[in-house]
Amino acid sequence: MIYIYLRALGLKRGEQNRDDDEFILKDIISFEEAIKMVKMGKIIDSKTIIALIYFEKF
C-alpha cells in the first residue's frame, strides 16, 4: 500500500528512514513545473507520475 498526500503541512526536518535501494532527490518546484517535467520525461518514478497526473485531472 502506498499513501499519496496532496498537501503536507507542519513538516519538520528529521532523519530519513529509506529502503536500501531507495534514491530520493529533494527540490521545491511548482505543481505546473512538475507536470512539465513529467511530460518531458524528467520525472520517471511511476508513483510520482501517477500522483501528479491524478491531481492534475481531479
Protein backbone atom coordinates (compact mmCIF):
# COMPACT_ATOMS: atom_id res chain seq x y z
CA MET A 1 0.00 0.00 0.00
CA ILE A 2 1.18 3.49 -0.73
CA TYR A 3 -0.16 6.79 0.56
CA ILE A 4 -0.09 9.87 -1.63
CA TYR A 5 -0.53 13.23 0.05
CA LEU A 6 -1.94 16.22 -1.75
CA ARG A 7 -0.50 18.66 0.75
CA ALA A 8 1.67 18.15 3.78
CA LEU A 9 1.69 20.86 6.45
CA GLY A 10 3.75 21.33 9.60
CA LEU A 11 6.64 19.21 8.42
CA LYS A 12 9.88 19.19 10.39
CA ARG A 13 13.38 18.12 9.43
CA GLY A 14 14.38 14.73 10.70
CA GLU A 15 16.35 11.63 9.85
CA GLN A 16 15.48 9.75 6.70
CA ASN A 17 14.31 6.18 7.01
CA ARG A 18 14.62 4.88 3.48
CA ASP A 19 14.98 1.46 1.95
CA ASP A 20 18.44 0.29 0.88
CA ASP A 21 17.53 0.62 -2.81
CA GLU A 22 15.69 3.92 -2.44
CA PHE A 23 17.10 7.08 -4.00
CA ILE A 24 15.47 10.41 -3.13
CA LEU A 25 16.06 13.83 -4.63
CA LYS A 26 14.54 16.79 -2.80
CA ASP A 27 13.64 20.02 -4.54
CA ILE A 28 10.86 22.59 -4.29
CA ILE A 29 9.06 23.22 -7.58
CA SER A 30 5.60 24.38 -8.57
CA PHE A 31 2.90 21.88 -9.47
CA GLU A 32 2.91 23.22 -13.03
CA GLU A 33 6.67 22.69 -13.31
CA ALA A 34 6.29 19.12 -12.02
CA ILE A 35 3.68 18.38 -14.70
CA LYS A 36 6.04 19.80 -17.36
CA MET A 37 8.83 17.59 -16.03
CA VAL A 38 6.60 14.51 -16.34
CA LYS A 39 5.73 15.39 -19.93
CA MET A 40 9.41 15.98 -20.76
CA GLY A 41 10.44 12.65 -19.24
CA LYS A 42 12.47 14.25 -16.44
CA ILE A 43 10.33 12.62 -13.74
CA ILE A 44 10.36 8.86 -14.31
CA ASP A 45 9.16 7.44 -11.00
CA SER A 46 5.79 5.80 -11.71
CA LYS A 47 4.28 6.55 -8.27
CA THR A 48 5.17 10.22 -8.62
CA ILE A 49 3.79 10.39 -12.16
CA ILE A 50 0.52 8.74 -11.13
CA ALA A 51 0.09 11.14 -8.21
CA LEU A 52 0.79 14.23 -10.30
CA ILE A 53 -1.44 13.25 -13.22
CA TYR A 54 -4.25 12.18 -10.84
CA PHE A 55 -4.24 15.52 -9.05
CA GLU A 56 -3.98 17.40 -12.36
CA LYS A 57 -7.12 15.68 -13.63
CA PHE A 58 -9.19 15.63 -10.44
